[in-house]
Every structure is written in structure tokens, then in C-alpha cells.
């Protein structure tokens, strides 16, 4: 290596020239290492590839968005109306549980009770319900007091129509209750007068009885709805708003028929069974008495001819005795009928009130500020 200033030969690694004292600077040719000499010691830098977008910028195909579906067997949650817990669900929301197996970890929503089942549940879940229902059944057998019992039943049903789930009230027998029962009795009388024409249908062979039964079912449901409207609006005249009643009547007539008529059918079936049992017991007692009298006749008594002899000896007394026995029997039958009817009435009126809360809630809204004769 030589000094670039004076040309003196320099030793390897010299920083200054020994002849001229100039600082030794490495020539650019020697300072730079050729690519051929350094290729064995340094990594070869390849030519830059063509431009490629970053991975994040690549158009990665995404799966199509799928609509979120509720798990199988799970019904959508409907916010409850705090003002009316019995109100009908909003349109488009179904409470019917699916028949498929529910999604794991999410149990299906419990199905809403029908009006009839919910009314019966309200009765048996009330504190002391047996004693209160028996009291109502006894009151139905007594004139005047039956008005209080009927008014009590209708007013409790009207509470359900307003959205209240209160249990059977205790000792509510006031002027309002009495007038409600009195107006209900008036409507019942008018309904019976209107149904007189159906007596002729009984003479139609084969289907006459069926026609009378079916017509009575539909008329009874309409009557129950009229009574409930009267109680809600606190005015007897509201029971004669036939167009409004019929408009609600058409909404869910099957459910209304069940609410208004099924309790009476069930209770009357029980009543007939109890009546048949009582008649069988009476027949057995009478037969036993006749057998004893017949046995006594062998020893000089009247025996089986005693009744005939008594009739021939004192016909007036015998007839009066028969009439008295029949009168007592019919009185017992009538008392039993009204007794069982008390249970049917409190059950059906509560069920009809629940029906109104679900399918005609506008009645309760309209009747909030009404002040009628029942106020």
C-alpha cells in the first residue's frame, strides 16, 4: 500500500506516512469489498420480489352471515306487562313450545296456562280456599245471600280482567257486591226468557236435544262475557252493548266456551253422581224397611199390604205424606244443585276474567275512569 500524497511505500496497518506525515486513508477501491470476495462470508441479498400486499390486506373470503336463530325448543322471551300480567302476547311472538328436543343448557320456556287451568290454580293457591269456597257454596243455597255470593264471584273475576292476580278476598260483602249479584240475577232471568223458544227444539227427533245443548253453550259464553263487561264498567247498561261484546266474543271463542261452560259441566256431572248415590241409599233404606215390615206381617202385622191399607184407611194423610216426602227430596236436590253451582260460578267467572285480560284488555283500559251504579 502506498501513500496517496507522496507515493511512499507504507507498511500494512500504518496510520501515518513515515515520509511526509500525511494521514493514511484507505482507497475506495480497497475499502470496498467486491461482491465476489464477500459472497462467501455475508448472506446474499436477493433481488426484491414483486410487490405483494400484506396478509391483512388480502381479500380472504368470509362465510355468509347467518341469521341468529333461537335454540330449538326455546320460545322468545316476551317482556311482561306490569300493568296486566295476563295480557295477550304481542303479535308475532309465540309462546307455544316446540316439540323438538331443547338446546342443551337452555330449558324451554314453560307454556302459559289456559284460562281454565289458571283460574283453578288461582283458587287452590288462595289461603284458606276450601273454607271460603264452601262458604260461597252454602250462601248460594240461601235467597238474598246468593246475590252476595254471585257478586263476590264476579268481582273477583273482574280483578283478573284488570290484571290483578290477588287471591280470593276475605269477607268482601258490601253494597257493590250485592248489586253486582242482583244485576247478574236480572241478566240470568232475561237470558232464560230469551231461551224459551228453544223448548220447541226438543220435539225435533234425534237432534233436538243436541241443538238445545249447543245453543245453550254459546249463549252461556256470551252471557258470561256480558256479566264481566258489566262488572268492569260498573254499569248494568254495559251488559247490553251487544256489538262490543260480540266483537270480543269472536276473537277466541273456543277458549271462551271452555272458560265459561266447562266448570258448570264438570260440577253438574259430579252433582248427578252424588244425586244418584243419595237416591240409591234412600232406595236401600226403603227396601230394608219394607223387608222388616213384611217380616212383621207373618206375626200378625200389616206387612207389605200395610201401605195399601193405610191409603184405604186415610187417603188424605197418605197423599200428604207422599207429597211431603217428595217435597223434601226436591228441596234437598235443589239445595245440592245450588251448592255445587257455587263452585262452578267462582271458577268460571275467574276464568272469564282471565280471558278478558288476555283477549280484550282494552275493556279494562276504557273502564278505568268509569263511574256507574256499581261504583
Protein backbone atom coordinates (compact mmCIF):
# COMPACT_ATOMS: atom_id res chain seq x y z
CA UNK A 1 0.00 0.00 0.00
CA UNK A 2 1.38 3.45 -0.95
CA UNK A 3 0.83 6.95 0.40
CA UNK A 4 -1.56 8.80 -1.80
CA UNK A 5 0.32 12.12 -1.27
CA UNK A 6 3.99 11.28 -1.73
CA UNK A 7 3.92 7.75 -3.08
CA UNK A 8 6.00 6.30 -0.21
CA UNK A 9 5.59 2.56 0.40
CA UNK A 10 3.65 2.07 3.61
CA UNK A 11 3.58 -0.91 5.88
CA UNK A 12 0.37 -2.73 6.49
CA UNK A 13 -1.70 -1.06 9.20
CA UNK A 14 0.15 2.29 9.20
CA UNK A 15 -1.96 5.27 10.19
CA UNK A 16 0.56 7.99 9.01
CA UNK A 17 3.11 8.15 6.22
CA UNK A 18 6.70 7.93 7.56
CA UNK A 19 8.00 10.25 4.88
CA UNK A 20 5.51 13.12 4.58
CA UNK A 21 3.46 12.51 7.76
CA UNK A 22 0.19 12.53 5.95
CA UNK A 23 -2.66 10.58 7.37
CA UNK A 24 -3.12 7.36 5.53
CA UNK A 25 -6.62 6.95 4.01
CA UNK A 26 -7.66 3.67 2.53
CA UNK A 27 -8.54 3.96 -1.12
CA UNK A 28 -12.19 3.45 -2.05
CA UNK A 29 -11.26 0.53 -4.24
CA UNK A 30 -9.55 -1.28 -1.38
CA UNK A 31 -12.01 -0.12 1.27
CA UNK A 32 -14.92 -1.57 -0.57
CA UNK A 33 -15.00 -5.27 -0.77
CA UNK A 34 -16.07 -6.72 -4.05
CA UNK A 35 -19.17 -8.68 -4.16
CA UNK A 36 -17.28 -11.73 -5.38
CA UNK A 37 -14.86 -11.68 -2.39
CA UNK A 38 -17.55 -11.19 0.23
CA UNK A 39 -20.10 -13.60 -1.18
CA UNK A 40 -18.67 -16.45 0.86
CA UNK A 41 -18.79 -14.54 4.16
CA UNK A 42 -22.04 -12.47 4.01
CA UNK A 43 -25.53 -13.58 3.13
CA UNK A 44 -26.53 -12.88 -0.39
CA UNK A 45 -29.33 -10.31 -0.61
CA UNK A 46 -31.73 -11.47 -3.23
CA UNK A 47 -33.47 -9.13 -5.54
CA UNK A 48 -36.64 -7.66 -4.07
CA UNK A 49 -39.65 -9.65 -5.17
CA UNK A 50 -42.56 -8.10 -6.89
CA UNK A 51 -44.96 -6.18 -4.62
CA UNK A 52 -47.25 -8.37 -2.59
CA UNK A 53 -49.98 -7.00 -0.32
CA UNK A 54 -49.84 -7.73 3.35
CA UNK A 55 -51.78 -10.70 4.66
CA UNK A 56 -54.19 -8.37 6.44
CA UNK A 57 -54.92 -6.71 3.08
CA UNK A 58 -55.69 -9.89 1.23
CA UNK A 59 -59.34 -10.41 0.37
CA UNK A 60 -59.95 -13.53 2.42
CA UNK A 61 -63.37 -14.95 1.58
CA UNK A 62 -65.70 -14.75 4.61
CA UNK A 63 -68.70 -17.06 5.18
CA UNK A 64 -72.08 -15.51 4.53
CA UNK A 65 -73.68 -14.02 7.63
CA UNK A 66 -76.24 -16.40 9.07
CA UNK A 67 -79.29 -15.10 10.95
CA UNK A 68 -79.17 -15.81 14.64
CA UNK A 69 -81.75 -18.42 15.45
CA UNK A 70 -83.19 -19.27 18.83
CA UNK A 71 -82.29 -22.75 20.13
CA UNK A 72 -84.73 -25.46 19.21
CA UNK A 73 -87.49 -25.69 21.75
CA UNK A 74 -86.84 -22.26 23.24
CA UNK A 75 -89.59 -19.65 22.96
CA UNK A 76 -88.72 -15.95 22.73
CA UNK A 77 -88.93 -14.00 25.92
CA UNK A 78 -91.82 -11.54 25.99
CA UNK A 79 -91.47 -8.64 28.42
CA UNK A 80 -94.29 -8.86 30.89
CA UNK A 81 -96.80 -6.08 31.11
CA UNK A 82 -96.56 -4.93 34.70
CA UNK A 83 -100.00 -3.35 34.46
CA UNK A 84 -101.63 -6.52 33.18
CA UNK A 85 -99.70 -9.79 33.65
CA UNK A 86 -102.50 -11.69 31.94
CA UNK A 87 -102.44 -9.58 28.76
CA UNK A 88 -102.34 -11.31 25.39
CA UNK A 89 -98.81 -11.65 23.84
CA UNK A 90 -97.88 -9.15 21.14
CA UNK A 91 -98.40 -10.11 17.52
CA UNK A 92 -95.61 -12.20 16.02
CA UNK A 93 -94.41 -13.65 19.32
CA UNK A 94 -95.43 -17.19 20.04
CA UNK A 95 -95.46 -18.82 23.45
CA UNK A 96 -96.06 -22.30 22.10
CA UNK A 97 -93.22 -24.65 22.98
CA UNK A 98 -91.75 -26.67 20.12
CA UNK A 99 -91.92 -30.42 20.13
CA UNK A 100 -88.19 -30.90 19.39
CA UNK A 101 -85.54 -31.58 22.00
CA UNK A 102 -84.46 -28.32 23.68
CA UNK A 103 -80.98 -26.94 23.19
CA UNK A 104 -78.50 -28.17 25.78
CA UNK A 105 -78.17 -25.77 28.67
CA UNK A 106 -81.26 -23.73 27.77
CA UNK A 107 -84.53 -25.28 29.02
CA UNK A 108 -87.74 -24.42 27.14
CA UNK A 109 -89.98 -21.68 28.43
CA UNK A 110 -92.95 -23.04 30.38
CA UNK A 111 -96.18 -22.91 28.41
CA UNK A 112 -98.72 -20.39 29.59
CA UNK A 113 -101.69 -21.95 31.40
CA UNK A 114 -105.06 -21.79 29.75
CA UNK A 115 -107.73 -19.60 31.28
CA UNK A 116 -109.47 -22.57 32.87
CA UNK A 117 -106.31 -24.05 34.38
CA UNK A 118 -105.05 -20.65 35.55
CA UNK A 119 -108.39 -19.91 37.24
CA UNK A 120 -108.40 -23.24 39.08
CA UNK A 121 -104.79 -22.64 40.14
CA UNK A 122 -105.75 -19.20 41.48
CA UNK A 123 -108.49 -20.81 43.57
CA UNK A 124 -106.46 -23.59 45.15
CA UNK A 125 -103.44 -21.32 45.73
CA UNK A 126 -105.52 -18.87 47.79
CA UNK A 127 -105.00 -19.13 51.56
CA UNK A 128 -107.94 -20.94 53.21
CA UNK A 129 -109.59 -21.55 49.84
CA UNK A 130 -111.55 -24.63 50.97
CA UNK A 131 -113.33 -22.75 53.75
CA UNK A 132 -114.10 -19.75 51.52
CA UNK A 133 -115.39 -21.83 48.62
CA UNK A 134 -117.59 -23.89 50.98
CA UNK A 135 -118.99 -20.65 52.42
CA UNK A 136 -119.82 -19.41 48.91
CA UNK A 137 -121.47 -22.73 48.07
CA UNK A 138 -123.63 -22.53 51.20
CA UNK A 139 -124.57 -18.90 50.51
CA UNK A 140 -125.71 -19.87 47.01
CA UNK A 141 -128.39 -22.04 48.64
CA UNK A 142 -129.89 -19.14 50.65
CA UNK A 143 -132.07 -16.46 49.00
CA UNK A 144 -130.70 -12.90 49.16
CA UNK A 145 -127.33 -14.22 50.36
CA UNK A 146 -126.94 -15.82 46.95
CA UNK A 147 -126.72 -12.30 45.48
CA UNK A 148 -123.70 -11.59 47.68
CA UNK A 149 -122.09 -14.88 46.64
CA UNK A 150 -122.61 -14.23 42.93
CA UNK A 151 -121.39 -10.64 43.24
CA UNK A 152 -118.30 -11.84 45.09
CA UNK A 153 -117.50 -14.32 42.31
CA UNK A 154 -117.98 -11.75 39.53
CA UNK A 155 -115.93 -9.07 41.30
CA UNK A 156 -113.03 -11.48 41.80
CA UNK A 157 -113.18 -12.32 38.09
CA UNK A 158 -113.19 -8.60 37.26
CA UNK A 159 -109.99 -8.20 39.29
CA UNK A 160 -108.33 -10.72 36.97
CA UNK A 161 -109.67 -8.81 33.95
CA UNK A 162 -107.93 -5.69 35.30
CA UNK A 163 -104.64 -7.61 35.56
CA UNK A 164 -104.66 -8.41 39.27
CA UNK A 165 -103.59 -11.85 40.43
CA UNK A 166 -104.83 -11.36 44.00
CA UNK A 167 -106.14 -14.48 45.80
CA UNK A 168 -109.70 -14.99 46.96
CA UNK A 169 -110.56 -11.88 49.01
CA UNK A 170 -111.75 -12.24 52.57
CA UNK A 171 -115.17 -11.03 53.71
CA UNK A 172 -115.99 -8.64 50.85
CA UNK A 173 -119.80 -8.48 51.13
CA UNK A 174 -120.80 -4.84 50.64
CA UNK A 175 -123.27 -2.81 48.59
CA UNK A 176 -121.20 -3.15 45.44
CA UNK A 177 -121.06 -6.93 45.81
CA UNK A 178 -124.81 -7.17 46.43
CA UNK A 179 -125.72 -5.00 43.42
CA UNK A 180 -123.39 -6.97 41.18
CA UNK A 181 -125.09 -10.21 42.19
CA UNK A 182 -128.54 -8.65 41.82
CA UNK A 183 -127.79 -7.39 38.31
CA UNK A 184 -126.35 -10.77 37.42
CA UNK A 185 -129.60 -12.44 38.55
CA UNK A 186 -131.53 -9.97 36.38
CA UNK A 187 -129.41 -10.84 33.35
CA UNK A 188 -129.92 -14.55 34.07
CA UNK A 189 -133.70 -14.04 34.11
CA UNK A 190 -133.59 -12.18 30.79
CA UNK A 191 -131.46 -14.96 29.28
CA UNK A 192 -133.94 -17.63 30.42
CA UNK A 193 -136.83 -15.65 28.91
CA UNK A 194 -134.93 -15.33 25.63
CA UNK A 195 -134.31 -19.09 25.59
CA UNK A 196 -137.98 -20.08 25.91
CA UNK A 197 -138.26 -20.59 22.16
CA UNK A 198 -135.70 -23.39 22.36
CA UNK A 199 -138.27 -25.58 24.13
CA UNK A 200 -139.77 -26.34 20.71
CA UNK A 201 -136.43 -27.74 19.54
CA UNK A 202 -136.77 -30.63 21.97
CA UNK A 203 -139.50 -32.08 19.77
CA UNK A 204 -137.13 -32.47 16.81
CA UNK A 205 -136.28 -36.20 16.63
CA UNK A 206 -132.72 -37.28 17.37
CA UNK A 207 -131.02 -33.88 17.12
CA UNK A 208 -133.36 -31.67 19.13
CA UNK A 209 -131.63 -32.21 22.46
CA UNK A 210 -128.20 -31.75 20.87
CA UNK A 211 -129.25 -28.45 19.29
CA UNK A 212 -130.56 -27.14 22.60
CA UNK A 213 -127.34 -28.13 24.36
CA UNK A 214 -125.08 -26.47 21.76
CA UNK A 215 -127.12 -23.26 21.64
CA UNK A 216 -127.08 -23.05 25.43
CA UNK A 217 -123.28 -23.36 25.40
CA UNK A 218 -122.79 -20.43 23.03
CA UNK A 219 -125.46 -18.35 24.74
CA UNK A 220 -123.89 -19.05 28.15
CA UNK A 221 -120.48 -17.90 26.95
CA UNK A 222 -121.98 -14.66 25.57
CA UNK A 223 -123.88 -14.13 28.84
CA UNK A 224 -120.71 -14.59 30.93
CA UNK A 225 -118.88 -12.05 28.78
CA UNK A 226 -121.75 -9.57 29.21
CA UNK A 227 -121.66 -10.03 33.00
CA UNK A 228 -117.90 -9.44 33.06
CA UNK A 229 -118.24 -6.26 30.98
CA UNK A 230 -120.92 -5.02 33.38
CA UNK A 231 -118.60 -5.61 36.36
CA UNK A 232 -115.63 -3.93 34.66
CA UNK A 233 -117.53 -0.79 33.65
CA UNK A 234 -119.58 -0.83 36.89
CA UNK A 235 -122.80 -0.24 34.97
CA UNK A 236 -125.68 -2.56 34.09
CA UNK A 237 -126.11 -0.86 30.71
CA UNK A 238 -122.71 -2.10 29.55
CA UNK A 239 -124.09 -5.66 29.53
CA UNK A 240 -126.34 -4.60 26.63
CA UNK A 241 -123.51 -3.23 24.45
CA UNK A 242 -124.04 -6.22 22.19
CA UNK A 243 -121.80 -5.04 19.34
CA UNK A 244 -118.79 -4.54 21.64
CA UNK A 245 -119.41 -7.85 23.38
CA UNK A 246 -119.77 -9.69 20.08
CA UNK A 247 -116.56 -8.11 18.74
CA UNK A 248 -114.63 -9.58 21.66
CA UNK A 249 -116.67 -12.79 21.57
CA UNK A 250 -115.34 -13.68 18.11
CA UNK A 251 -111.64 -13.42 19.00
CA UNK A 252 -111.07 -16.77 20.71
CA UNK A 253 -114.48 -18.34 21.03
CA UNK A 254 -113.15 -21.81 21.76
CA UNK A 255 -111.19 -20.61 24.77
CA UNK A 256 -114.17 -18.55 25.94
CA UNK A 257 -116.50 -21.55 25.71
CA UNK A 258 -114.11 -23.57 27.84
CA UNK A 259 -113.76 -20.80 30.42
CA UNK A 260 -117.49 -20.11 30.71
CA UNK A 261 -119.06 -23.56 30.34
CA UNK A 262 -116.63 -26.33 31.27
CA UNK A 263 -116.71 -25.63 35.05
CA UNK A 264 -120.52 -25.95 35.05
CA UNK A 265 -120.36 -29.17 33.03
CA UNK A 266 -117.79 -30.74 35.36
CA UNK A 267 -119.63 -29.68 38.51
CA UNK A 268 -123.02 -30.86 37.17
CA UNK A 269 -121.58 -34.26 36.35
CA UNK A 270 -120.37 -34.51 39.95
CA UNK A 271 -123.79 -33.31 41.14
CA UNK A 272 -125.59 -36.04 39.17
CA UNK A 273 -123.26 -38.71 40.54
CA UNK A 274 -123.85 -37.53 44.11
CA UNK A 275 -127.62 -37.40 43.48
CA UNK A 276 -127.66 -40.94 42.11
CA UNK A 277 -125.69 -42.11 45.14
CA UNK A 278 -128.21 -40.45 47.51
CA UNK A 279 -131.18 -41.99 45.67
CA UNK A 280 -129.57 -45.43 45.83
CA UNK A 281 -129.04 -45.04 49.56
CA UNK A 282 -132.66 -43.95 50.02
CA UNK A 283 -133.90 -46.90 47.95
CA UNK A 284 -131.80 -49.29 50.00
CA UNK A 285 -133.15 -47.88 53.28
CA UNK A 286 -136.73 -48.08 51.97
CA UNK A 287 -136.23 -51.65 50.84
CA UNK A 288 -134.81 -52.60 54.21
CA UNK A 289 -137.83 -51.02 55.95
CA UNK A 290 -140.24 -52.89 53.69
CA UNK A 291 -138.48 -56.17 54.40
CA UNK A 292 -138.77 -55.62 58.12
CA UNK A 293 -142.46 -54.75 57.75
CA UNK A 294 -143.04 -57.87 55.65
CA UNK A 295 -141.37 -60.00 58.30
CA UNK A 296 -143.59 -58.48 60.95
CA UNK A 297 -146.69 -59.32 58.87
CA UNK A 298 -146.06 -63.03 59.43
CA UNK A 299 -146.75 -62.48 63.08
CA UNK A 300 -149.98 -60.56 62.66
CA UNK A 301 -148.69 -57.23 61.27
CA UNK A 302 -149.80 -55.43 58.19
CA UNK A 303 -146.75 -56.50 56.16
CA UNK A 304 -146.42 -55.46 52.52
CA UNK A 305 -150.11 -54.52 52.45
CA UNK A 306 -149.67 -52.01 55.28
CA UNK A 307 -149.17 -49.07 52.95
CA UNK A 308 -152.20 -50.03 50.86
CA UNK A 309 -154.28 -50.48 53.99
CA UNK A 310 -153.08 -47.11 55.26
CA UNK A 311 -154.03 -45.47 51.94
CA UNK A 312 -157.51 -47.01 52.01
CA UNK A 313 -157.98 -46.09 55.64
CA UNK A 314 -156.67 -42.47 55.44
CA UNK A 315 -156.16 -41.45 51.79
CA UNK A 316 -155.66 -37.75 52.56
CA UNK A 317 -152.96 -38.43 55.12
CA UNK A 318 -151.25 -40.89 52.79
CA UNK A 319 -151.21 -38.40 49.91
CA UNK A 320 -149.92 -35.64 52.16
CA UNK A 321 -147.18 -37.96 53.38
CA UNK A 322 -146.12 -38.76 49.82
CA UNK A 323 -146.19 -35.11 48.81
CA UNK A 324 -144.15 -34.14 51.88
CA UNK A 325 -141.56 -36.80 51.13
CA UNK A 326 -141.29 -35.67 47.52
CA UNK A 327 -141.06 -32.04 48.63
CA UNK A 328 -138.20 -32.82 50.99
CA UNK A 329 -136.46 -34.79 48.27
CA UNK A 330 -136.77 -31.98 45.72
CA UNK A 331 -135.62 -29.43 48.30
CA UNK A 332 -132.52 -31.49 49.01
CA UNK A 333 -131.86 -31.87 45.28
CA UNK A 334 -132.27 -28.13 44.70
CA UNK A 335 -130.02 -27.25 47.63
CA UNK A 336 -127.36 -29.62 46.33
CA UNK A 337 -127.63 -28.10 42.86
CA UNK A 338 -127.07 -24.56 44.12
CA UNK A 339 -124.37 -25.82 46.46
CA UNK A 340 -122.32 -27.26 43.61
CA UNK A 341 -123.21 -24.32 41.38
CA UNK A 342 -121.34 -22.05 43.81
CA UNK A 343 -118.07 -23.81 42.96
CA UNK A 344 -118.80 -23.71 39.22
CA UNK A 345 -119.58 -19.99 39.34
CA UNK A 346 -116.45 -18.84 41.16
CA UNK A 347 -114.34 -20.99 38.83
CA UNK A 348 -115.98 -19.85 35.58
CA UNK A 349 -116.11 -16.14 36.49
CA UNK A 350 -112.40 -16.16 37.33
CA UNK A 351 -111.65 -17.95 34.04
CA UNK A 352 -113.74 -15.45 32.03
CA UNK A 353 -111.93 -12.58 33.76
CA UNK A 354 -108.59 -14.06 32.71
CA UNK A 355 -109.92 -14.46 29.16
CA UNK A 356 -110.86 -10.76 29.04
CA UNK A 357 -107.39 -9.80 30.35
CA UNK A 358 -105.73 -11.75 27.53
CA UNK A 359 -108.01 -11.16 24.55
CA UNK A 360 -109.92 -7.96 25.36
CA UNK A 361 -107.54 -5.89 27.54
CA UNK A 362 -108.90 -2.68 26.06
CA UNK A 363 -112.02 -3.11 28.20
CA UNK A 364 -110.06 -2.61 31.40
CA UNK A 365 -108.28 0.44 29.95
CA UNK A 366 -111.53 2.05 28.87
CA UNK A 367 -113.26 1.29 32.18
CA UNK A 368 -110.59 2.79 34.45
CA UNK A 369 -112.38 6.09 34.96
CA UNK A 370 -115.95 4.85 34.58
CA UNK A 371 -118.29 5.59 37.48
CA UNK A 372 -121.50 3.62 37.18
CA UNK A 373 -124.15 2.40 39.56
CA UNK A 374 -121.76 -0.23 40.94
CA UNK A 375 -119.11 2.31 41.99
